[in-house]
Amino acid sequence: MKKRMIEAALAGAALTLASASFAGAPVPGPTATLTVTGTITPPACTLSLGANGTAAFGTTQLSSISNNATGTVLTNPQTVPLTITCTGNTQVAFGVKDNRATSVVSGLTANWASGIAAGTTSATNAFGLGQSSSKNIGAYTLTANTFAVGGTTKTPATITIANETLAPAASTSAGLVVNPSDATNLITWADSTSSTAASTGSTFTANIVVTPTVNQSSALPTSGNITFDGNATFTVYYL
């Protein structure tokens, strides 16, 4: 009888010890890590320029070029259609980089306020026409107008990039002077002049008007043909 009592006591003690071990704080064991990945991409877009991306001004007689320091504005500006086509609805803008910036003749700006390139009064708005016999030929301006998204008329708007933040600001002008500083000055489409965001769509169109101003005749070479060599890159930006 005494033996049974001892066995019962031992069994009770074992049960109490086991219960105590389960009642204590959990002890961490092996671990595994969950990684969450994924990518959100905007619809793919392409940018195209009509007329094979060429503004052709034909032949101009040197005798018609003034020796005035403000140069001679060619009165036959060329229009090049711009189209951005996307695989789905999105918001986009475009920027333009002048690949001939070192050839800009800044003194030609006096003629730019005449209305041919309305709103353009600074050399910062000029694109270079390239060089001939190491002499700068002149400069040209780009003005964007006739903005539409999916065939619906829109308002041209500018976007200033500061601290990687996009801030659309609609323009009230009928056209918009294109600045050659690419990513720091973008152009987009807005629903109205009071819009605070860019328009959404899949097909964006505008016209780019190219207006050259030729340097004064005494600064140009006279031993052969002078060939315009303006060159600028248009880039789509996803907003």
Protein backbone atom coordinates (compact mmCIF):
# COMPACT_ATOMS: atom_id res chain seq x y z
CA MET A 1 0.00 0.00 0.00
CA LYS A 2 2.80 2.38 0.87
CA LYS A 3 4.52 1.53 -2.40
CA ARG A 4 1.41 2.48 -4.35
CA MET A 5 1.19 5.78 -2.55
CA ILE A 6 4.81 6.58 -3.45
CA GLU A 7 4.21 5.67 -7.11
CA ALA A 8 1.12 7.88 -7.20
CA ALA A 9 3.04 10.78 -5.70
CA LEU A 10 5.83 10.40 -8.24
CA ALA A 11 3.33 10.29 -11.10
CA GLY A 12 1.64 13.44 -9.84
CA ALA A 13 4.98 15.22 -9.59
CA ALA A 14 5.84 14.24 -13.15
CA LEU A 15 2.50 15.53 -14.40
CA THR A 16 3.00 18.82 -12.55
CA LEU A 17 6.50 19.21 -14.08
CA ALA A 18 5.17 18.54 -17.57
CA SER A 19 2.39 21.07 -17.14
CA ALA A 20 4.87 23.65 -15.91
CA SER A 21 7.07 23.17 -18.99
CA PHE A 22 4.12 23.90 -21.33
CA ALA A 23 3.00 26.89 -19.31
CA GLY A 24 6.36 28.74 -19.70
CA ALA A 25 7.39 31.31 -22.47
CA PRO A 26 7.69 29.87 -26.03
CA VAL A 27 11.20 29.13 -27.16
CA PRO A 28 11.92 30.24 -30.81
CA GLY A 29 13.09 27.61 -33.23
CA PRO A 30 14.08 27.62 -36.94
CA THR A 31 12.78 30.47 -39.15
CA ALA A 32 11.81 31.07 -42.80
CA THR A 33 11.48 34.42 -44.63
CA LEU A 34 8.59 35.49 -46.89
CA THR A 35 9.54 37.89 -49.71
CA VAL A 36 6.83 39.82 -51.56
CA THR A 37 7.79 40.88 -55.10
CA GLY A 38 6.02 42.42 -58.06
CA THR A 39 6.29 45.20 -60.61
CA ILE A 40 3.73 47.73 -61.79
CA THR A 41 4.57 49.09 -65.22
CA PRO A 42 2.83 51.79 -67.26
CA PRO A 43 1.45 50.95 -70.69
CA ALA A 44 4.18 50.95 -73.32
CA CYS A 45 4.23 54.08 -75.47
CA THR A 46 5.90 55.04 -78.72
CA LEU A 47 6.65 58.55 -79.99
CA SER A 48 6.70 59.39 -83.67
CA LEU A 49 7.29 62.57 -85.67
CA GLY A 50 5.60 63.12 -89.02
CA ALA A 51 7.47 63.90 -92.22
CA ASN A 52 10.07 61.36 -91.09
CA GLY A 53 11.00 63.74 -88.30
CA THR A 54 12.38 66.29 -90.77
CA ALA A 55 11.59 69.99 -91.10
CA ALA A 56 12.84 70.75 -94.61
CA PHE A 57 13.36 74.39 -95.56
CA GLY A 58 14.61 73.91 -99.09
CA THR A 59 16.97 76.45 -100.64
CA THR A 60 17.37 80.07 -99.55
CA GLN A 61 19.55 82.53 -101.45
CA LEU A 62 22.38 84.01 -99.38
CA SER A 63 21.54 87.39 -100.90
CA SER A 64 18.23 87.34 -99.00
CA ILE A 65 19.98 87.01 -95.64
CA SER A 66 20.32 90.33 -93.84
CA ASN A 67 23.54 91.50 -92.25
CA ASN A 68 21.52 92.72 -89.29
CA ALA A 69 22.88 91.41 -85.98
CA THR A 70 19.43 90.04 -85.13
CA GLY A 71 19.57 87.78 -88.17
CA THR A 72 16.90 86.82 -90.68
CA VAL A 73 13.78 84.89 -89.70
CA LEU A 74 12.67 82.46 -92.40
CA THR A 75 9.00 83.18 -93.05
CA ASN A 76 8.05 79.64 -94.05
CA PRO A 77 7.92 77.82 -90.69
CA GLN A 78 7.47 74.07 -91.00
CA THR A 79 4.96 72.02 -89.01
CA VAL A 80 5.89 68.51 -87.86
CA PRO A 81 3.09 66.39 -86.32
CA LEU A 82 3.93 64.63 -83.04
CA THR A 83 2.08 61.47 -81.95
CA ILE A 84 2.45 59.41 -78.78
CA THR A 85 0.65 56.06 -78.96
CA CYS A 86 0.26 53.87 -75.85
CA THR A 87 -1.03 50.33 -75.36
CA GLY A 88 -3.42 51.51 -72.63
CA ASN A 89 -4.66 54.63 -70.88
CA THR A 90 -1.94 56.59 -69.12
CA GLN A 91 -0.55 60.09 -68.55
CA VAL A 92 2.51 61.20 -70.48
CA ALA A 93 4.63 64.23 -71.26
CA PHE A 94 7.50 64.90 -73.62
CA GLY A 95 10.80 66.69 -73.32
CA VAL A 96 13.19 67.90 -76.00
CA LYS A 97 16.98 67.93 -75.87
CA ASP A 98 19.00 70.09 -78.26
CA ASN A 99 21.83 68.05 -79.77
CA ARG A 100 23.35 71.18 -81.34
CA ALA A 101 23.15 73.47 -78.32
CA THR A 102 26.72 74.73 -78.68
CA SER A 103 25.87 76.26 -82.07
CA VAL A 104 23.07 78.55 -80.82
CA VAL A 105 23.55 82.19 -81.85
CA SER A 106 22.00 83.95 -78.87
CA GLY A 107 21.99 87.45 -80.38
CA LEU A 108 19.12 86.55 -82.69
CA THR A 109 16.46 86.80 -79.97
CA ALA A 110 15.37 90.33 -80.93
CA ASN A 111 13.43 88.98 -83.90
CA TRP A 112 11.73 86.25 -81.91
CA ALA A 113 9.26 88.62 -80.26
CA SER A 114 7.74 89.47 -83.63
CA GLY A 115 5.02 86.85 -83.32
CA ILE A 116 6.63 84.27 -85.59
CA ALA A 117 7.71 82.46 -82.44
CA ALA A 118 5.41 84.23 -79.99
CA GLY A 119 6.55 84.15 -76.40
CA THR A 120 10.12 83.29 -77.26
CA THR A 121 12.35 86.14 -76.16
CA SER A 122 15.32 84.40 -74.59
CA ALA A 123 18.26 82.39 -75.86
CA THR A 124 17.26 79.69 -73.38
CA ASN A 125 14.42 78.88 -75.79
CA ALA A 126 16.74 78.54 -78.78
CA PHE A 127 17.89 75.40 -80.57
CA GLY A 128 21.09 75.41 -82.61
CA LEU A 129 21.12 75.14 -86.41
CA GLY A 130 24.58 73.57 -86.40
CA GLN A 131 27.75 74.80 -88.04
CA SER A 132 29.10 75.29 -91.53
CA SER A 133 32.87 75.67 -91.95
CA SER A 134 33.09 75.97 -88.14
CA LYS A 135 30.73 78.96 -88.13
CA ASN A 136 27.39 78.92 -86.31
CA ILE A 137 24.51 79.10 -88.77
CA GLY A 138 21.85 80.47 -86.45
CA ALA A 139 19.07 79.17 -84.21
CA TYR A 140 15.51 77.95 -84.39
CA THR A 141 12.50 77.83 -82.11
CA LEU A 142 9.91 75.12 -81.53
CA THR A 143 6.32 76.00 -80.74
CA ALA A 144 3.79 73.29 -79.84
CA ASN A 145 0.07 73.70 -80.58
CA THR A 146 -3.10 71.81 -81.58
CA PHE A 147 -3.00 69.49 -78.56
CA ALA A 148 -5.46 66.57 -78.52
CA VAL A 149 -6.00 63.26 -76.72
CA GLY A 150 -7.95 60.64 -78.62
CA GLY A 151 -9.07 63.34 -81.03
CA THR A 152 -10.46 65.59 -78.27
CA THR A 153 -8.90 69.05 -78.03
CA LYS A 154 -6.78 69.63 -74.93
CA THR A 155 -4.83 72.49 -73.41
CA PRO A 156 -1.03 72.50 -73.60
CA ALA A 157 0.59 72.43 -70.19
CA THR A 158 4.08 72.57 -68.76
CA ILE A 159 5.53 70.45 -66.00
CA THR A 160 8.35 71.64 -63.79
CA ILE A 161 10.35 68.90 -62.12
CA ALA A 162 11.64 69.81 -58.66
CA ASN A 163 12.91 67.26 -56.21
CA GLU A 164 11.55 64.52 -58.48
CA THR A 165 8.02 65.88 -58.03
CA LEU A 166 5.85 66.53 -61.07
CA ALA A 167 3.65 69.63 -60.87
CA PRO A 168 1.46 70.18 -63.96
CA ALA A 169 0.56 73.81 -64.64
CA ALA A 170 -1.80 74.49 -67.51
CA SER A 171 -0.87 77.11 -70.08
CA THR A 172 -3.34 79.79 -71.19
CA SER A 173 -1.61 80.43 -74.51
CA ALA A 174 -2.80 79.01 -77.81
CA GLY A 175 0.63 77.52 -78.29
CA LEU A 176 3.52 76.65 -76.08
CA VAL A 177 7.19 77.47 -76.63
CA VAL A 178 9.28 74.33 -76.26
CA ASN A 179 12.29 74.69 -73.99
CA PRO A 180 15.34 72.64 -75.03
CA SER A 181 16.31 71.60 -71.51
CA ASP A 182 14.62 68.20 -71.79
CA ALA A 183 13.72 66.64 -68.43
CA THR A 184 13.58 69.88 -66.44
CA ASN A 185 10.86 71.37 -68.66
CA LEU A 186 8.29 68.91 -69.93
CA ILE A 187 5.15 69.49 -71.96
CA THR A 188 1.92 67.56 -71.48
CA TRP A 189 -1.81 67.61 -72.23
CA ALA A 190 -4.37 69.07 -69.77
CA ASP A 191 -8.18 69.02 -69.82
CA SER A 192 -8.43 72.79 -69.24
CA THR A 193 -6.45 75.83 -68.16
CA SER A 194 -7.51 75.15 -64.56
CA SER A 195 -6.42 71.53 -64.55
CA THR A 196 -3.95 70.42 -61.91
CA ALA A 197 -3.21 67.06 -63.50
CA ALA A 198 -2.35 65.78 -66.94
CA SER A 199 -4.99 64.26 -69.22
CA THR A 200 -5.36 60.49 -69.43
CA GLY A 201 -5.54 58.66 -72.74
CA SER A 202 -3.81 56.32 -75.15
CA THR A 203 -3.23 58.57 -78.18
CA PHE A 204 -1.69 62.03 -77.73
CA THR A 205 -1.12 64.42 -80.63
CA ALA A 206 0.29 67.91 -81.16
CA ASN A 207 1.93 69.97 -83.87
CA ILE A 208 5.52 71.18 -83.57
CA VAL A 209 6.19 74.38 -85.50
CA VAL A 210 9.84 74.94 -86.46
CA THR A 211 10.98 78.52 -87.15
CA PRO A 212 14.66 79.16 -88.02
CA THR A 213 16.54 82.43 -87.74
CA VAL A 214 19.74 82.65 -89.79
CA ASN A 215 22.80 84.46 -88.46
CA GLN A 216 23.85 87.78 -90.02
CA SER A 217 25.35 87.29 -93.47
CA SER A 218 28.82 88.58 -92.53
CA ALA A 219 29.13 85.79 -89.96
CA LEU A 220 28.39 83.04 -92.49
CA PRO A 221 30.82 81.26 -94.83
CA THR A 222 30.51 82.27 -98.48
CA SER A 223 32.65 79.65 -100.20
CA GLY A 224 29.93 77.01 -100.58
CA ASN A 225 26.49 75.83 -99.60
CA ILE A 226 25.43 76.34 -95.99
CA THR A 227 23.48 73.29 -94.82
CA PHE A 228 21.22 73.45 -91.79
CA ASP A 229 22.16 70.80 -89.23
CA GLY A 230 19.58 71.23 -86.48
CA ASN A 231 19.07 68.08 -84.44
CA ALA A 232 16.92 67.51 -81.34
CA THR A 233 15.75 64.42 -79.45
CA PHE A 234 12.14 64.07 -78.27
CA THR A 235 11.58 61.78 -75.27
CA VAL A 236 8.36 60.40 -73.75
CA TYR A 237 8.02 60.65 -69.96
CA TYR A 238 5.49 58.62 -67.97
CA LEU A 239 3.73 60.68 -65.29
